[in-house]
């Protein structure tokens, strides 16, 4: 695999991993998403969401070493980012923090597509 493809995969992992900081506290979630955590139940759900993103990002990074899982992990990351964008657009009326995450996911999908193209071109060589 080329350095370009590896860098793209690393960045996709990073974009997916960054929300893991929400596991630290409700305050981190509130500042990241521009929302108020108004109940213990919501805090549990949002911190669990942060954990899941950490798992996705970590798995994408692991795929740099264990390339046999790469297609599956990149598919998972792609669906996650695409799903967030679609949900945000369908629900609408979101704050600027969520808009930044939508933009990051769009960038992430472009980087992911670049990784897939690089991977495909490399496999044909």
PDB file of N, CA and C in Angstrom:
ATOM      1  N   UNK A   1       0.826  -1.174   0.000  1.00  0.00           N
ATOM      2  CA  UNK A   1       0.000   0.000   0.000  1.00  0.00           C
ATOM      3  C   UNK A   1       0.877   1.247   0.000  1.00  0.00           C
ATOM      4  N   UNK A   2       0.406   2.279  -0.625  1.00  0.00           N
ATOM      5  CA  UNK A   2       1.198   3.492  -0.732  1.00  0.00           C
ATOM      6  C   UNK A   2       1.103   4.341   0.534  1.00  0.00           C
ATOM      7  N   UNK A   3       2.053   5.219   0.674  1.00  0.00           N
ATOM      8  CA  UNK A   3       2.037   6.147   1.811  1.00  0.00           C
ATOM      9  C   UNK A   3       0.776   7.008   1.767  1.00  0.00           C
ATOM     10  N   UNK A   4       0.396   7.448   0.577  1.00  0.00           N
ATOM     11  CA  UNK A   4      -0.813   8.267   0.422  1.00  0.00           C
ATOM     12  C   UNK A   4      -2.038   7.537   0.976  1.00  0.00           C
ATOM     13  N   UNK A   5      -2.199   6.286   0.596  1.00  0.00           N
ATOM     14  CA  UNK A   5      -3.345   5.502   1.054  1.00  0.00           C
ATOM     15  C   UNK A   5      -3.303   5.327   2.564  1.00  0.00           C
ATOM     16  N   UNK A   6      -2.126   5.028   3.100  1.00  0.00           N
ATOM     17  CA  UNK A   6      -1.994   4.862   4.550  1.00  0.00           C
ATOM     18  C   UNK A   6      -2.317   6.143   5.300  1.00  0.00           C
ATOM     19  N   UNK A   7      -1.878   7.276   4.781  1.00  0.00           N
ATOM     20  CA  UNK A   7      -2.185   8.562   5.422  1.00  0.00           C
ATOM     21  C   UNK A   7      -3.692   8.804   5.385  1.00  0.00           C
ATOM     22  N   UNK A   8      -4.316   8.513   4.273  1.00  0.00           N
ATOM     23  CA  UNK A   8      -5.777   8.680   4.166  1.00  0.00           C
ATOM     24  C   UNK A   8      -6.491   7.805   5.191  1.00  0.00           C
ATOM     25  N   UNK A   9      -6.076   6.555   5.306  1.00  0.00           N
ATOM     26  CA  UNK A   9      -6.706   5.650   6.267  1.00  0.00           C
ATOM     27  C   UNK A   9      -6.465   6.142   7.689  1.00  0.00           C
ATOM     28  N   UNK A  10      -5.258   6.607   7.976  1.00  0.00           N
ATOM     29  CA  UNK A  10      -4.967   7.153   9.304  1.00  0.00           C
ATOM     30  C   UNK A  10      -5.901   8.327   9.614  1.00  0.00           C
ATOM     31  N   UNK A  11      -6.096   9.227   8.647  1.00  0.00           N
ATOM     32  CA  UNK A  11      -6.949  10.397   8.864  1.00  0.00           C
ATOM     33  C   UNK A  11      -8.408  10.006   9.069  1.00  0.00           C
ATOM     34  N   UNK A  12      -8.882   9.015   8.320  1.00  0.00           N
ATOM     35  CA  UNK A  12     -10.247   8.518   8.514  1.00  0.00           C
ATOM     36  C   UNK A  12     -10.387   7.976   9.941  1.00  0.00           C
ATOM     37  N   UNK A  13      -9.374   7.243  10.396  1.00  0.00           N
ATOM     38  CA  UNK A  13      -9.392   6.747  11.769  1.00  0.00           C
ATOM     39  C   UNK A  13      -9.415   7.878  12.780  1.00  0.00           C
ATOM     40  N   UNK A  14      -8.644   8.912  12.526  1.00  0.00           N
ATOM     41  CA  UNK A  14      -8.583  10.059  13.431  1.00  0.00           C
ATOM     42  C   UNK A  14      -9.927  10.767  13.516  1.00  0.00           C
ATOM     43  N   UNK A  15     -10.549  11.008  12.385  1.00  0.00           N
ATOM     44  CA  UNK A  15     -11.855  11.677  12.366  1.00  0.00           C
ATOM     45  C   UNK A  15     -12.868  10.872  13.175  1.00  0.00           C
ATOM     46  N   UNK A  16     -12.806   9.555  13.043  1.00  0.00           N
ATOM     47  CA  UNK A  16     -13.732   8.707  13.791  1.00  0.00           C
ATOM     48  C   UNK A  16     -13.359   8.590  15.262  1.00  0.00           C
ATOM     49  N   UNK A  17     -12.067   8.700  15.584  1.00  0.00           N
ATOM     50  CA  UNK A  17     -11.607   8.520  16.959  1.00  0.00           C
ATOM     51  C   UNK A  17     -11.816   9.763  17.834  1.00  0.00           C
ATOM     52  N   UNK A  18     -11.742  10.945  17.254  1.00  0.00           N
ATOM     53  CA  UNK A  18     -11.769  12.182  18.039  1.00  0.00           C
ATOM     54  C   UNK A  18     -12.930  12.306  19.027  1.00  0.00           C
ATOM     55  N   UNK A  19     -14.138  11.847  18.691  1.00  0.00           N
ATOM     56  CA  UNK A  19     -15.227  11.980  19.672  1.00  0.00           C
ATOM     57  C   UNK A  19     -15.042  11.178  20.955  1.00  0.00           C
ATOM     58  N   UNK A  20     -14.025  10.314  21.016  1.00  0.00           N
ATOM     59  CA  UNK A  20     -13.801   9.502  22.215  1.00  0.00           C
ATOM     60  C   UNK A  20     -13.575  10.375  23.458  1.00  0.00           C
ATOM     61  N   UNK A  21     -13.166  11.618  23.278  1.00  0.00           N
ATOM     62  CA  UNK A  21     -12.959  12.503  24.439  1.00  0.00           C
ATOM     63  C   UNK A  21     -14.248  12.709  25.221  1.00  0.00           C
ATOM     64  N   UNK A  22     -15.380  12.473  24.582  1.00  0.00           N
ATOM     65  CA  UNK A  22     -16.661  12.592  25.271  1.00  0.00           C
ATOM     66  C   UNK A  22     -16.839  11.589  26.389  1.00  0.00           C
ATOM     67  N   UNK A  23     -16.029  10.534  26.382  1.00  0.00           N
ATOM     68  CA  UNK A  23     -16.107   9.555  27.467  1.00  0.00           C
ATOM     69  C   UNK A  23     -15.650  10.159  28.791  1.00  0.00           C
ATOM     70  N   UNK A  24     -14.870  11.220  28.723  1.00  0.00           N
ATOM     71  CA  UNK A  24     -14.297  11.804  29.935  1.00  0.00           C
ATOM     72  C   UNK A  24     -15.326  12.485  30.822  1.00  0.00           C
ATOM     73  N   UNK A  25     -16.300  13.179  30.196  1.00  0.00           N
ATOM     74  CA  UNK A  25     -17.272  13.904  31.014  1.00  0.00           C
ATOM     75  C   UNK A  25     -18.418  14.431  30.164  1.00  0.00           C
ATOM     76  N   UNK A  26     -19.491  14.738  30.843  1.00  0.00           N
ATOM     77  CA  UNK A  26     -20.632  15.369  30.179  1.00  0.00           C
ATOM     78  C   UNK A  26     -20.243  16.741  29.641  1.00  0.00           C
ATOM     79  N   UNK A  27     -19.360  17.428  30.350  1.00  0.00           N
ATOM     80  CA  UNK A  27     -18.936  18.765  29.926  1.00  0.00           C
ATOM     81  C   UNK A  27     -18.232  18.717  28.568  1.00  0.00           C
ATOM     82  N   UNK A  28     -17.416  17.677  28.350  1.00  0.00           N
ATOM     83  CA  UNK A  28     -16.734  17.527  27.048  1.00  0.00           C
ATOM     84  C   UNK A  28     -17.756  17.337  25.939  1.00  0.00           C
ATOM     85  N   UNK A  29     -18.771  16.550  26.201  1.00  0.00           N
ATOM     86  CA  UNK A  29     -19.823  16.312  25.203  1.00  0.00           C
ATOM     87  C   UNK A  29     -20.564  17.612  24.922  1.00  0.00           C
ATOM     88  N   UNK A  30     -20.905  18.324  25.992  1.00  0.00           N
ATOM     89  CA  UNK A  30     -21.646  19.573  25.832  1.00  0.00           C
ATOM     90  C   UNK A  30     -20.865  20.586  25.009  1.00  0.00           C
ATOM     91  N   UNK A  31     -19.570  20.704  25.266  1.00  0.00           N
ATOM     92  CA  UNK A  31     -18.778  21.684  24.521  1.00  0.00           C
ATOM     93  C   UNK A  31     -18.535  21.230  23.080  1.00  0.00           C
ATOM     94  N   UNK A  32     -18.381  19.941  22.864  1.00  0.00           N
ATOM     95  CA  UNK A  32     -18.151  19.440  21.511  1.00  0.00           C
ATOM     96  C   UNK A  32     -19.378  19.617  20.632  1.00  0.00           C
ATOM     97  N   UNK A  33     -20.542  19.249  21.152  1.00  0.00           N
ATOM     98  CA  UNK A  33     -21.754  19.235  20.340  1.00  0.00           C
ATOM     99  C   UNK A  33     -22.634  20.463  20.526  1.00  0.00           C
ATOM    100  N   UNK A  34     -22.300  21.295  21.508  1.00  0.00           N
ATOM    101  CA  UNK A  34     -23.119  22.483  21.748  1.00  0.00           C
ATOM    102  C   UNK A  34     -24.503  22.125  22.245  1.00  0.00           C
ATOM    103  N   UNK A  35     -24.579  21.105  23.099  1.00  0.00           N
ATOM    104  CA  UNK A  35     -25.853  20.652  23.650  1.00  0.00           C
ATOM    105  C   UNK A  35     -25.758  20.622  25.166  1.00  0.00           C
ATOM    106  N   UNK A  36     -26.904  20.483  25.818  1.00  0.00           N
ATOM    107  CA  UNK A  36     -26.944  20.323  27.272  1.00  0.00           C
ATOM    108  C   UNK A  36     -27.282  18.879  27.592  1.00  0.00           C
ATOM    109  N   UNK A  37     -26.491  18.291  28.457  1.00  0.00           N
ATOM    110  CA  UNK A  37     -26.787  16.950  28.944  1.00  0.00           C
ATOM    111  C   UNK A  37     -27.689  17.143  30.164  1.00  0.00           C
ATOM    112  N   UNK A  38     -28.951  16.842  29.997  1.00  0.00           N
ATOM    113  CA  UNK A  38     -29.946  17.192  31.018  1.00  0.00           C
ATOM    114  C   UNK A  38     -30.368  16.017  31.896  1.00  0.00           C
ATOM    115  N   UNK A  39     -29.823  14.832  31.626  1.00  0.00           N
ATOM    116  CA  UNK A  39     -30.191  13.684  32.464  1.00  0.00           C
ATOM    117  C   UNK A  39     -29.049  12.670  32.467  1.00  0.00           C
ATOM    118  N   UNK A  40     -29.056  11.838  33.459  1.00  0.00           N
ATOM    119  CA  UNK A  40     -28.063  10.765  33.535  1.00  0.00           C
ATOM    120  C   UNK A  40     -28.207   9.817  32.355  1.00  0.00           C
ATOM    121  N   UNK A  41     -29.440   9.571  31.939  1.00  0.00           N
ATOM    122  CA  UNK A  41     -29.687   8.673  30.816  1.00  0.00           C
ATOM    123  C   UNK A  41     -29.052   9.204  29.528  1.00  0.00           C
ATOM    124  N   UNK A  42     -29.216  10.495  29.287  1.00  0.00           N
ATOM    125  CA  UNK A  42     -28.615  11.098  28.097  1.00  0.00           C
ATOM    126  C   UNK A  42     -27.096  11.076  28.187  1.00  0.00           C
ATOM    127  N   UNK A  43     -26.552  11.307  29.369  1.00  0.00           N
ATOM    128  CA  UNK A  43     -25.101  11.251  29.552  1.00  0.00           C
ATOM    129  C   UNK A  43     -24.587   9.836  29.252  1.00  0.00           C
ATOM    130  N   UNK A  44     -25.280   8.833  29.745  1.00  0.00           N
ATOM    131  CA  UNK A  44     -24.876   7.452  29.480  1.00  0.00           C
ATOM    132  C   UNK A  44     -24.884   7.181  27.980  1.00  0.00           C
ATOM    133  N   UNK A  45     -25.961   7.572  27.305  1.00  0.00           N
ATOM    134  CA  UNK A  45     -26.063   7.335  25.864  1.00  0.00           C
ATOM    135  C   UNK A  45     -24.962   8.049  25.086  1.00  0.00           C
ATOM    136  N   UNK A  46     -24.705   9.293  25.435  1.00  0.00           N
ATOM    137  CA  UNK A  46     -23.702  10.068  24.710  1.00  0.00           C
ATOM    138  C   UNK A  46     -22.286   9.576  25.002  1.00  0.00           C
ATOM    139  N   UNK A  47     -22.016   9.173  26.242  1.00  0.00           N
ATOM    140  CA  UNK A  47     -20.684   8.649  26.542  1.00  0.00           C
ATOM    141  C   UNK A  47     -20.486   7.283  25.884  1.00  0.00           C
ATOM    142  N   UNK A  48     -21.535   6.509  25.787  1.00  0.00           N
ATOM    143  CA  UNK A  48     -21.434   5.241  25.076  1.00  0.00           C
ATOM    144  C   UNK A  48     -21.181   5.498  23.590  1.00  0.00           C
ATOM    145  N   UNK A  49     -21.827   6.518  23.038  1.00  0.00           N
ATOM    146  CA  UNK A  49     -21.586   6.916  21.642  1.00  0.00           C
ATOM    147  C   UNK A  49     -20.117   7.262  21.438  1.00  0.00           C
ATOM    148  N   UNK A  50     -19.547   7.978  22.402  1.00  0.00           N
ATOM    149  CA  UNK A  50     -18.125   8.334  22.323  1.00  0.00           C
ATOM    150  C   UNK A  50     -17.255   7.085  22.326  1.00  0.00           C
ATOM    151  N   UNK A  51     -17.603   6.132  23.169  1.00  0.00           N
ATOM    152  CA  UNK A  51     -16.869   4.868  23.212  1.00  0.00           C
ATOM    153  C   UNK A  51     -16.928   4.156  21.865  1.00  0.00           C
ATOM    154  N   UNK A  52     -18.103   4.112  21.258  1.00  0.00           N
ATOM    155  CA  UNK A  52     -18.253   3.439  19.965  1.00  0.00           C
ATOM    156  C   UNK A  52     -17.415   4.116  18.879  1.00  0.00           C
ATOM    157  N   UNK A  53     -17.355   5.431  18.909  1.00  0.00           N
ATOM    158  CA  UNK A  53     -16.503   6.116  17.938  1.00  0.00           C
ATOM    159  C   UNK A  53     -15.034   5.808  18.170  1.00  0.00           C
ATOM    160  N   UNK A  54     -14.652   5.688  19.429  1.00  0.00           N
ATOM    161  CA  UNK A  54     -13.281   5.280  19.724  1.00  0.00           C
ATOM    162  C   UNK A  54     -12.979   3.907  19.156  1.00  0.00           C
ATOM    163  N   UNK A  55     -13.940   3.013  19.259  1.00  0.00           N
ATOM    164  CA  UNK A  55     -13.764   1.670  18.708  1.00  0.00           C
ATOM    165  C   UNK A  55     -13.662   1.696  17.184  1.00  0.00           C
ATOM    166  N   UNK A  56     -14.491   2.504  16.540  1.00  0.00           N
ATOM    167  CA  UNK A  56     -14.421   2.602  15.077  1.00  0.00           C
ATOM    168  C   UNK A  56     -13.063   3.149  14.652  1.00  0.00           C
ATOM    169  N   UNK A  57     -12.656   4.257  15.260  1.00  0.00           N
ATOM    170  CA  UNK A  57     -11.364   4.854  14.900  1.00  0.00           C
ATOM    171  C   UNK A  57     -10.205   3.913  15.162  1.00  0.00           C
ATOM    172  N   UNK A  58     -10.226   3.251  16.300  1.00  0.00           N
ATOM    173  CA  UNK A  58      -9.154   2.296  16.627  1.00  0.00           C
ATOM    174  C   UNK A  58      -9.107   1.152  15.633  1.00  0.00           C
ATOM    175  N   UNK A  59     -10.271   0.665  15.250  1.00  0.00           N
ATOM    176  CA  UNK A  59     -10.327  -0.444  14.298  1.00  0.00           C
ATOM    177  C   UNK A  59      -9.799  -0.014  12.929  1.00  0.00           C
ATOM    178  N   UNK A  60     -10.128   1.203  12.524  1.00  0.00           N
ATOM    179  CA  UNK A  60      -9.584   1.712  11.259  1.00  0.00           C
ATOM    180  C   UNK A  60      -8.063   1.760  11.341  1.00  0.00           C
ATOM    181  N   UNK A  61      -7.539   2.243  12.463  1.00  0.00           N
ATOM    182  CA  UNK A  61      -6.076   2.276  12.624  1.00  0.00           C
ATOM    183  C   UNK A  61      -5.491   0.866  12.621  1.00  0.00           C
ATOM    184  N   UNK A  62      -6.162  -0.066  13.265  1.00  0.00           N
ATOM    185  CA  UNK A  62      -5.679  -1.458  13.274  1.00  0.00           C
ATOM    186  C   UNK A  62      -5.626  -2.033  11.861  1.00  0.00           C
ATOM    187  N   UNK A  63      -6.517  -1.567  11.005  1.00  0.00           N
ATOM    188  CA  UNK A  63      -6.538  -2.087   9.631  1.00  0.00           C
ATOM    189  C   UNK A  63      -5.291  -1.688   8.833  1.00  0.00           C
ATOM    190  N   UNK A  64      -4.553  -0.710   9.341  1.00  0.00           N
ATOM    191  CA  UNK A  64      -3.280  -0.371   8.697  1.00  0.00           C
ATOM    192  C   UNK A  64      -2.269  -1.499   8.876  1.00  0.00           C
ATOM    193  N   UNK A  65      -2.409  -2.235   9.961  1.00  0.00           N
ATOM    194  CA  UNK A  65      -1.513  -3.358  10.242  1.00  0.00           C
ATOM    195  C   UNK A  65      -2.128  -4.666   9.744  1.00  0.00           C
ATOM    196  N   UNK A  66      -3.396  -4.879  10.102  1.00  0.00           N
ATOM    197  CA  UNK A  66      -4.109  -6.096   9.722  1.00  0.00           C
ATOM    198  C   UNK A  66      -4.977  -5.790   8.502  1.00  0.00           C
ATOM    199  N   UNK A  67      -4.355  -5.791   7.346  1.00  0.00           N
ATOM    200  CA  UNK A  67      -5.018  -5.322   6.125  1.00  0.00           C
ATOM    201  C   UNK A  67      -6.204  -6.181   5.700  1.00  0.00           C
ATOM    202  N   UNK A  68      -6.307  -7.397   6.225  1.00  0.00           N
ATOM    203  CA  UNK A  68      -7.447  -8.246   5.857  1.00  0.00           C
ATOM    204  C   UNK A  68      -8.771  -7.690   6.380  1.00  0.00           C
ATOM    205  N   UNK A  69      -8.730  -6.829   7.394  1.00  0.00           N
ATOM    206  CA  UNK A  69      -9.969  -6.237   7.920  1.00  0.00           C
ATOM    207  C   UNK A  69     -10.240  -4.848   7.339  1.00  0.00           C
ATOM    208  N   UNK A  70      -9.389  -4.412   6.435  1.00  0.00           N
ATOM    209  CA  UNK A  70      -9.468  -3.037   5.943  1.00  0.00           C
ATOM    210  C   UNK A  70     -10.775  -2.726   5.225  1.00  0.00           C
ATOM    211  N   UNK A  71     -11.200  -3.591   4.342  1.00  0.00           N
ATOM    212  CA  UNK A  71     -12.448  -3.327   3.611  1.00  0.00           C
ATOM    213  C   UNK A  71     -13.617  -3.197   4.577  1.00  0.00           C
ATOM    214  N   UNK A  72     -13.701  -4.110   5.529  1.00  0.00           N
ATOM    215  CA  UNK A  72     -14.802  -4.061   6.499  1.00  0.00           C
ATOM    216  C   UNK A  72     -14.752  -2.796   7.354  1.00  0.00           C
ATOM    217  N   UNK A  73     -13.571  -2.434   7.835  1.00  0.00           N
ATOM    218  CA  UNK A  73     -13.475  -1.269   8.721  1.00  0.00           C
ATOM    219  C   UNK A  73     -13.706   0.039   7.972  1.00  0.00           C
ATOM    220  N   UNK A  74     -13.226   0.119   6.754  1.00  0.00           N
ATOM    221  CA  UNK A  74     -13.467   1.338   5.980  1.00  0.00           C
ATOM    222  C   UNK A  74     -14.940   1.456   5.611  1.00  0.00           C
ATOM    223  N   UNK A  75     -15.585   0.329   5.362  1.00  0.00           N
ATOM    224  CA  UNK A  75     -17.027   0.342   5.097  1.00  0.00           C
ATOM    225  C   UNK A  75     -17.786   0.820   6.328  1.00  0.00           C
ATOM    226  N   UNK A  76     -17.411   0.297   7.490  1.00  0.00           N
ATOM    227  CA  UNK A  76     -18.037   0.707   8.745  1.00  0.00           C
ATOM    228  C   UNK A  76     -17.868   2.207   8.979  1.00  0.00           C
ATOM    229  N   UNK A  77     -16.652   2.694   8.811  1.00  0.00           N
ATOM    230  CA  UNK A  77     -16.379   4.124   9.013  1.00  0.00           C
ATOM    231  C   UNK A  77     -17.168   4.968   8.020  1.00  0.00           C
ATOM    232  N   UNK A  78     -17.224   4.517   6.781  1.00  0.00           N
ATOM    233  CA  UNK A  78     -17.961   5.252   5.754  1.00  0.00           C
ATOM    234  C   UNK A  78     -19.446   5.333   6.056  1.00  0.00           C
ATOM    235  N   UNK A  79     -20.032   4.205   6.454  1.00  0.00           N
ATOM    236  CA  UNK A  79     -21.453   4.213   6.806  1.00  0.00           C
ATOM    237  C   UNK A  79     -21.718   5.101   8.012  1.00  0.00           C
ATOM    238  N   UNK A  80     -20.816   5.095   8.968  1.00  0.00           N
ATOM    239  CA  UNK A  80     -20.980   5.925  10.155  1.00  0.00           C
ATOM    240  C   UNK A  80     -20.994   7.412   9.777  1.00  0.00           C
ATOM    241  N   UNK A  81     -20.008   7.827   8.992  1.00  0.00           N
ATOM    242  CA  UNK A  81     -19.934   9.241   8.603  1.00  0.00           C
ATOM    243  C   UNK A  81     -21.108   9.627   7.703  1.00  0.00           C
ATOM    244  N   UNK A  82     -21.406   8.785   6.719  1.00  0.00           N
ATOM    245  CA  UNK A  82     -22.518   9.064   5.813  1.00  0.00           C
ATOM    246  C   UNK A  82     -23.833   9.106   6.582  1.00  0.00           C
ATOM    247  N   UNK A  83     -23.998   8.170   7.514  1.00  0.00           N
ATOM    248  CA  UNK A  83     -25.221   8.125   8.307  1.00  0.00           C
ATOM    249  C   UNK A  83     -25.432   9.385   9.125  1.00  0.00           C
ATOM    250  N   UNK A  84     -24.359   9.892   9.726  1.00  0.00           N
ATOM    251  CA  UNK A  84     -24.482  11.128  10.507  1.00  0.00           C
ATOM    252  C   UNK A  84     -24.909  12.290   9.614  1.00  0.00           C
ATOM    253  N   UNK A  85     -24.306  12.380   8.446  1.00  0.00           N
ATOM    254  CA  UNK A  85     -24.661  13.458   7.513  1.00  0.00           C
ATOM    255  C   UNK A  85     -26.133  13.374   7.134  1.00  0.00           C
ATOM    256  N   UNK A  86     -26.588  12.190   6.776  1.00  0.00           N
ATOM    257  CA  UNK A  86     -27.989  12.008   6.366  1.00  0.00           C
ATOM    258  C   UNK A  86     -28.932  12.343   7.519  1.00  0.00           C
ATOM    259  N   UNK A  87     -28.639  11.831   8.706  1.00  0.00           N
ATOM    260  CA  UNK A  87     -29.504  12.122   9.858  1.00  0.00           C
ATOM    261  C   UNK A  87     -29.555  13.623  10.130  1.00  0.00           C
ATOM    262  N   UNK A  88     -28.412  14.286  10.090  1.00  0.00           N
ATOM    263  CA  UNK A  88     -28.384  15.739  10.322  1.00  0.00           C
ATOM    264  C   UNK A  88     -29.215  16.478   9.283  1.00  0.00           C
ATOM    265  N   UNK A  89     -29.096  16.068   8.026  1.00  0.00           N
ATOM    266  CA  UNK A  89     -29.854  16.741   6.974  1.00  0.00           C
ATOM    267  C   UNK A  89     -31.351  16.474   7.083  1.00  0.00           C
ATOM    268  N   UNK A  90     -31.726  15.270   7.450  1.00  0.00           N
ATOM    269  CA  UNK A  90     -33.143  14.929   7.584  1.00  0.00           C
ATOM    270  C   UNK A  90     -33.757  15.666   8.779  1.00  0.00           C
ATOM    271  N   UNK A  91     -33.062  15.662   9.907  1.00  0.00           N
ATOM    272  CA  UNK A  91     -33.588  16.324  11.099  1.00  0.00           C
ATOM    273  C   UNK A  91     -33.534  17.837  10.928  1.00  0.00           C
ATOM    274  N   UNK A  92     -32.411  18.356  10.419  1.00  0.00           N
ATOM    275  CA  UNK A  92     -32.244  19.787  10.180  1.00  0.00           C
ATOM    276  C   UNK A  92     -32.205  20.614  11.454  1.00  0.00           C
ATOM    277  N   UNK A  93     -32.173  21.919  11.273  1.00  0.00           N
ATOM    278  CA  UNK A  93     -32.214  22.893  12.359  1.00  0.00           C
ATOM    279  C   UNK A  93     -31.213  22.585  13.476  1.00  0.00           C
ATOM    280  N   UNK A  94     -29.943  22.361  13.103  1.00  0.00           N
ATOM    281  CA  UNK A  94     -28.916  22.038  14.091  1.00  0.00           C
ATOM    282  C   UNK A  94     -27.968  23.209  14.274  1.00  0.00           C
ATOM    283  N   UNK A  95     -27.219  23.148  15.368  1.00  0.00           N
ATOM    284  CA  UNK A  95     -26.343  24.262  15.737  1.00  0.00           C
ATOM    285  C   UNK A  95     -25.018  24.232  14.965  1.00  0.00           C
ATOM    286  N   UNK A  96     -24.204  25.237  15.192  1.00  0.00           N
ATOM    287  CA  UNK A  96     -22.939  25.361  14.449  1.00  0.00           C
ATOM    288  C   UNK A  96     -21.949  24.255  14.816  1.00  0.00           C
ATOM    289  N   UNK A  97     -22.034  23.732  16.034  1.00  0.00           N
ATOM    290  CA  UNK A  97     -21.148  22.632  16.423  1.00  0.00           C
ATOM    291  C   UNK A  97     -21.451  21.389  15.592  1.00  0.00           C
ATOM    292  N   UNK A  98     -22.726  21.095  15.431  1.00  0.00           N
ATOM    293  CA  UNK A  98     -23.124  19.941  14.613  1.00  0.00           C
ATOM    294  C   UNK A  98     -22.761  20.201  13.153  1.00  0.00           C
ATOM    295  N   UNK A  99     -22.892  21.438  12.692  1.00  0.00           N
ATOM    296  CA  UNK A  99     -22.500  21.781  11.315  1.00  0.00           C
ATOM    297  C   UNK A  99     -21.019  21.478  11.092  1.00  0.00           C
ATOM    298  N   UNK A 100     -20.194  21.770  12.077  1.00  0.00           N
ATOM    299  CA  UNK A 100     -18.761  21.468  11.956  1.00  0.00           C
ATOM    300  C   UNK A 100     -18.525  19.965  11.854  1.00  0.00           C
ATOM    301  N   UNK A 101     -19.299  19.186  12.584  1.00  0.00           N
ATOM    302  CA  UNK A 101     -19.156  17.731  12.524  1.00  0.00           C
ATOM    303  C   UNK A 101     -19.625  17.212  11.173  1.00  0.00           C
ATOM    304  N   UNK A 102     -20.691  17.779  10.654  1.00  0.00           N
ATOM    305  CA  UNK A 102     -21.156  17.406   9.311  1.00  0.00           C
ATOM    306  C   UNK A 102     -20.052  17.688   8.293  1.00  0.00           C
ATOM    307  N   UNK A 103     -19.443  18.852   8.383  1.00  0.00           N
ATOM    308  CA  UNK A 103     -18.345  19.197   7.468  1.00  0.00           C
ATOM    309  C   UNK A 103     -17.166  18.237   7.625  1.00  0.00           C
ATOM    310  N   UNK A 104     -16.826  17.912   8.863  1.00  0.00           N
ATOM    311  CA  UNK A 104     -15.722  16.968   9.108  1.00  0.00           C
ATOM    312  C   UNK A 104     -16.038  15.603   8.499  1.00  0.00           C
ATOM    313  N   UNK A 105     -17.288  15.181   8.599  1.00  0.00           N
ATOM    314  CA  UNK A 105     -17.662  13.892   8.017  1.00  0.00           C
ATOM    315  C   UNK A 105     -17.651  13.934   6.489  1.00  0.00           C
ATOM    316  N   UNK A 106     -18.020  15.064   5.911  1.00  0.00           N
ATOM    317  CA  UNK A 106     -17.920  15.200   4.448  1.00  0.00           C
ATOM    318  C   UNK A 106     -16.460  15.091   4.024  1.00  0.00           C
ATOM    319  N   UNK A 107     -15.594  15.810   4.735  1.00  0.00           N
ATOM    320  CA  UNK A 107     -14.153  15.726   4.453  1.00  0.00           C
ATOM    321  C   UNK A 107     -13.674  14.290   4.655  1.00  0.00           C
ATOM    322  N   UNK A 108     -14.139  13.658   5.726  1.00  0.00           N
ATOM    323  CA  UNK A 108     -13.770  12.277   5.998  1.00  0.00           C
ATOM    324  C   UNK A 108     -14.171  11.338   4.872  1.00  0.00           C
ATOM    325  N   UNK A 109     -15.349  11.546   4.313  1.00  0.00           N
ATOM    326  CA  UNK A 109     -15.790  10.703   3.199  1.00  0.00           C
ATOM    327  C   UNK A 109     -14.937  10.923   1.948  1.00  0.00           C
ATOM    328  N   UNK A 110     -14.531  12.154   1.718  1.00  0.00           N
ATOM    329  CA  UNK A 110     -13.637  12.435   0.579  1.00  0.00           C
ATOM    330  C   UNK A 110     -12.295  11.743   0.795  1.00  0.00           C
ATOM    331  N   UNK A 111     -11.777  11.826   2.005  1.00  0.00           N
ATOM    332  CA  UNK A 111     -10.507  11.158   2.318  1.00  0.00           C
ATOM    333  C   UNK A 111     -10.668   9.651   2.202  1.00  0.00           C
ATOM    334  N   UNK A 112     -11.792   9.130   2.678  1.00  0.00           N
ATOM    335  CA  UNK A 112     -12.065   7.698   2.583  1.00  0.00           C
ATOM    336  C   UNK A 112     -12.121   7.251   1.123  1.00  0.00           C
ATOM    337  N   UNK A 113     -12.813   8.030   0.294  1.00  0.00           N
ATOM    338  CA  UNK A 113     -12.871   7.710  -1.135  1.00  0.00           C
ATOM    339  C   UNK A 113     -11.476   7.726  -1.751  1.00  0.00           C
ATOM    340  N   UNK A 114     -10.658   8.670  -1.338  1.00  0.00           N
ATOM    341  CA  UNK A 114      -9.274   8.740  -1.823  1.00  0.00           C
ATOM    342  C   UNK A 114      -8.490   7.497  -1.410  1.00  0.00           C
ATOM    343  N   UNK A 115      -8.702   7.043  -0.190  1.00  0.00           N
ATOM    344  CA  UNK A 115      -8.026   5.830   0.280  1.00  0.00           C
ATOM    345  C   UNK A 115      -8.449   4.623  -0.534  1.00  0.00           C
ATOM    346  N   UNK A 116      -9.738   4.542  -0.826  1.00  0.00           N
ATOM    347  CA  UNK A 116     -10.251   3.407  -1.607  1.00  0.00           C
ATOM    348  C   UNK A 116      -9.680   3.430  -3.021  1.00  0.00           C
ATOM    349  N   UNK A 117      -9.646   4.615  -3.634  1.00  0.00           N
ATOM    350  CA  UNK A 117      -9.059   4.734  -4.974  1.00  0.00           C
ATOM    351  C   UNK A 117      -7.584   4.353  -4.929  1.00  0.00           C
ATOM    352  N   UNK A 118      -6.853   4.882  -3.943  1.00  0.00           N
ATOM    353  CA  UNK A 118      -5.432   4.549  -3.814  1.00  0.00           C
ATOM    354  C   UNK A 118      -5.216   3.064  -3.603  1.00  0.00           C
ATOM    355  N   UNK A 119      -6.038   2.464  -2.778  1.00  0.00           N
ATOM    356  CA  UNK A 119      -5.948   1.026  -2.505  1.00  0.00           C
ATOM    357  C   UNK A 119      -6.237   0.220  -3.764  1.00  0.00           C
ATOM    358  N   UNK A 120      -7.250   0.633  -4.499  1.00  0.00           N
ATOM    359  CA  UNK A 120      -7.634  -0.063  -5.730  1.00  0.00           C
ATOM    360  C   UNK A 120      -6.536   0.052  -6.786  1.00  0.00           C
ATOM    361  N   UNK A 121      -6.018   1.255  -6.970  1.00  0.00           N
ATOM    362  CA  UNK A 121      -4.955   1.458  -7.963  1.00  0.00           C
ATOM    363  C   UNK A 121      -3.695   0.674  -7.582  1.00  0.00           C
ATOM    364  N   UNK A 122      -3.393   0.628  -6.304  1.00  0.00           N
ATOM    365  CA  UNK A 122      -2.219  -0.085  -5.832  1.00  0.00           C
ATOM    366  C   UNK A 122      -2.358  -1.591  -6.045  1.00  0.00           C
ATOM    367  N   UNK A 123      -3.569  -2.109  -5.879  1.00  0.00           N
ATOM    368  CA  UNK A 123      -3.763  -3.552  -6.034  1.00  0.00           C
ATOM    369  C   UNK A 123      -3.676  -3.988  -7.493  1.00  0.00           C
ATOM    370  N   UNK A 124      -3.876  -3.062  -8.420  1.00  0.00           N
ATOM    371  CA  UNK A 124      -3.785  -3.384  -9.844  1.00  0.00           C
ATOM    372  C   UNK A 124      -2.361  -3.355 -10.347  1.00  0.00           C
ATOM    373  N   UNK A 125      -1.453  -2.795  -9.541  1.00  0.00           N
ATOM    374  CA  UNK A 125      -0.047  -2.679  -9.962  1.00  0.00           C
ATOM    375  C   UNK A 125       0.680  -3.990  -9.788  1.00  0.00           C
TER     376      UNK A 125
END
